[in-house]
């Protein structure tokens, strides 16, 4: 547990710009996955699978 911060810092973004870039990419991916989920829910309802 003492080295957990070191592990995250070692493998995480190196600076603020990298952090912001990674954050934007992750939010974009979340949005993409939400759209796919909503589409699948709609289609499953149309097919009577829900």
Protein backbone atom coordinates (compact mmCIF):
# COMPACT_ATOMS: atom_id res chain seq x y z
CA UNK A 1 0.00 0.00 0.00
CA UNK A 2 2.88 2.35 0.66
CA UNK A 3 3.95 2.31 -2.99
CA UNK A 4 0.47 2.55 -4.55
CA UNK A 5 0.86 6.26 -5.30
CA UNK A 6 4.19 5.57 -6.95
CA UNK A 7 2.62 2.92 -9.20
CA UNK A 8 -0.14 5.25 -10.36
CA UNK A 9 2.26 8.10 -10.99
CA UNK A 10 4.63 5.82 -12.87
CA UNK A 11 1.96 4.56 -15.31
CA UNK A 12 -0.33 7.57 -15.41
CA UNK A 13 -0.18 10.76 -17.45
CA UNK A 14 3.14 12.58 -17.19
CA UNK A 15 1.85 16.15 -17.12
CA UNK A 16 -1.34 18.22 -17.11
CA UNK A 17 -1.61 18.28 -20.92
CA UNK A 18 -1.35 14.47 -21.10
CA UNK A 19 -3.91 14.16 -18.32
CA UNK A 20 -6.38 16.42 -20.14
CA UNK A 21 -5.84 14.57 -23.44
CA UNK A 22 -6.46 11.21 -21.78
CA UNK A 23 -9.53 12.60 -20.01
CA UNK A 24 -11.02 13.91 -23.29
CA UNK A 25 -10.38 10.55 -24.96
CA UNK A 26 -12.05 8.67 -22.11
CA UNK A 27 -15.11 10.95 -22.13
CA UNK A 28 -15.38 10.50 -25.89
CA UNK A 29 -15.25 6.73 -25.46
CA UNK A 30 -17.93 6.88 -22.76
CA UNK A 31 -20.16 8.87 -25.11
CA UNK A 32 -19.58 6.37 -27.90
CA UNK A 33 -20.44 3.43 -25.63
CA UNK A 34 -23.60 5.16 -24.37
CA UNK A 35 -24.76 5.71 -27.96
CA UNK A 36 -24.15 2.06 -28.78
CA UNK A 37 -26.03 0.96 -25.66
CA UNK A 38 -29.00 3.18 -26.49
CA UNK A 39 -29.09 1.87 -30.07
CA UNK A 40 -28.99 -1.74 -28.85
CA UNK A 41 -31.79 -1.06 -26.35
CA UNK A 42 -33.92 0.46 -29.11
CA UNK A 43 -33.27 -2.44 -31.50
CA UNK A 44 -33.89 -5.11 -28.86
CA UNK A 45 -37.20 -3.44 -28.01
CA UNK A 46 -38.16 -3.34 -31.72
CA UNK A 47 -37.36 -7.05 -32.03
CA UNK A 48 -39.26 -7.90 -28.84
CA UNK A 49 -36.14 -9.15 -27.09
CA UNK A 50 -36.37 -6.87 -24.11
